[in-house]
Protein backbone atom coordinates (compact mmCIF):
# COMPACT_ATOMS: atom_id res chain seq x y z
CA MET A 1 0.00 0.00 0.00
CA ASN A 2 1.27 3.44 -0.83
CA TYR A 3 1.01 6.51 1.39
CA ILE A 4 1.04 9.91 -0.26
CA ASP A 5 1.30 13.08 1.80
CA PHE A 6 0.14 15.70 -0.70
CA LYS A 7 0.72 18.54 1.74
CA ASN A 8 4.45 17.79 2.12
CA ASN A 9 5.02 16.04 -1.24
CA LYS A 10 6.07 12.85 0.55
CA TYR A 11 5.58 9.35 -0.84
CA SER A 12 6.03 6.17 1.20
CA ASN A 13 5.26 2.50 0.78
CA ILE A 14 3.54 0.76 3.70
CA THR A 15 4.67 -2.85 3.48
CA ILE A 16 3.08 -4.03 6.72
CA LEU A 17 -0.29 -4.81 5.14
CA SER A 18 -0.65 -8.48 4.20
CA LEU A 19 -2.98 -7.83 1.30
CA THR A 20 -4.65 -4.84 -0.28
CA GLY A 21 -5.76 -2.16 2.17
CA SER A 22 -9.54 -2.04 2.17
CA GLY A 23 -10.62 0.30 4.96
CA VAL A 24 -9.14 3.66 5.91
CA THR A 25 -10.28 6.37 8.31
CA VAL A 26 -8.66 9.41 9.94
CA ASN A 27 -9.54 10.61 13.45
CA ASN A 28 -11.18 13.99 14.11
CA ASP A 29 -7.96 15.91 14.75
CA ARG A 30 -6.24 14.14 11.81
CA THR A 31 -3.33 12.85 13.89
CA LEU A 32 -4.11 9.13 13.51
CA ALA A 33 -5.13 6.95 10.57
CA ALA A 34 -6.68 3.50 10.96
CA ILE A 35 -6.13 1.08 8.08
CA GLY A 36 -7.52 -2.42 7.61
CA ASP A 37 -6.74 -5.11 5.03
CA LEU A 38 -8.45 -8.05 3.38
CA VAL A 39 -6.68 -10.56 5.62
CA GLY A 40 -8.18 -9.10 8.81
CA ASN A 41 -5.32 -6.96 10.08
CA ALA A 42 -6.08 -3.50 11.43
CA PHE A 43 -3.44 -0.88 12.19
CA ILE A 44 -3.28 2.66 13.55
CA PHE A 45 -0.55 4.95 12.25
CA SER A 46 0.45 8.46 13.24
CA THR A 47 -0.10 11.07 10.54
CA GLU A 48 2.33 13.51 12.14
CA LYS A 49 4.89 15.01 9.77
CA ASN A 50 8.04 13.19 10.94
CA SER A 51 6.49 9.98 12.27
CA SER A 52 7.72 6.57 11.20
CA MET A 53 5.52 4.36 9.05
CA LYS A 54 5.44 1.72 11.80
CA PRO A 55 2.02 1.10 13.35
CA LEU A 56 1.34 2.48 16.82
CA TYR A 57 -1.35 -0.15 17.44
CA GLN A 58 -2.50 -3.28 15.66
CA THR A 59 -5.10 -6.02 16.00
CA PHE A 60 -6.46 -8.96 14.02
CA THR A 61 -10.20 -9.28 13.35
CA MET A 62 -10.20 -12.75 11.73
CA ALA A 63 -12.34 -11.34 8.89
CA PRO A 64 -11.57 -9.12 5.89
CA THR A 65 -12.08 -5.40 6.53
CA ARG A 66 -14.73 -3.60 4.49
CA SER A 67 -14.83 -0.24 6.26
CA MET A 68 -13.61 1.64 9.33
CA ALA A 69 -14.78 4.67 11.32
CA TRP A 70 -13.56 6.49 14.42
CA SER A 71 -15.84 7.06 17.38
CA PRO A 72 -16.76 10.72 18.02
CA LYS A 73 -14.47 10.80 21.09
CA GLY A 74 -11.65 9.05 19.18
CA ASP A 75 -11.19 6.37 21.83
CA HIS A 76 -12.09 3.44 19.59
CA VAL A 77 -12.48 2.42 15.95
CA LEU A 78 -15.45 0.58 14.46
CA ILE A 79 -14.45 -2.05 11.92
CA GLY A 80 -16.99 -3.35 9.41
CA THR A 81 -16.10 -6.76 8.00
CA MET A 82 -16.86 -8.44 4.70
CA GLU A 83 -18.85 -11.00 6.71
CA GLY A 84 -21.30 -8.31 7.84
CA ASP A 85 -20.05 -7.91 11.43
CA ILE A 86 -19.17 -4.64 13.14
CA MET A 87 -16.37 -4.80 15.67
CA ARG A 88 -15.46 -2.17 18.24
CA TRP A 89 -11.69 -1.81 18.73
CA ASN A 90 -10.62 0.05 21.85
CA TYR A 91 -7.02 0.37 20.72
CA LEU A 92 -5.91 1.97 24.00
CA ASN A 93 -7.06 -1.03 26.07
CA LYS A 94 -5.29 -4.27 25.15
CA ASP A 95 -7.90 -6.31 27.06
CA ASP A 96 -10.83 -5.00 25.00
């Protein structure tokens, strides 16, 4: 998957995704991006200017990702799967 920062004319290749990225969402203050793939991986990356392209958080949903959305408070991400399920990912709490 390729990452293009149009604002800073920066191009990067995200090689962590196992298969094509299929769900992407950015939080309200645009500092984090959640990305899911067709294998079931979900990642959260920083969108800050000098951040690395390594994920800050990651989980596995066991189903291909169709869509993603941040909660209004930004404390969790909803993941819609190709199987029709909606999963709530509280990325700050590893037990959730």
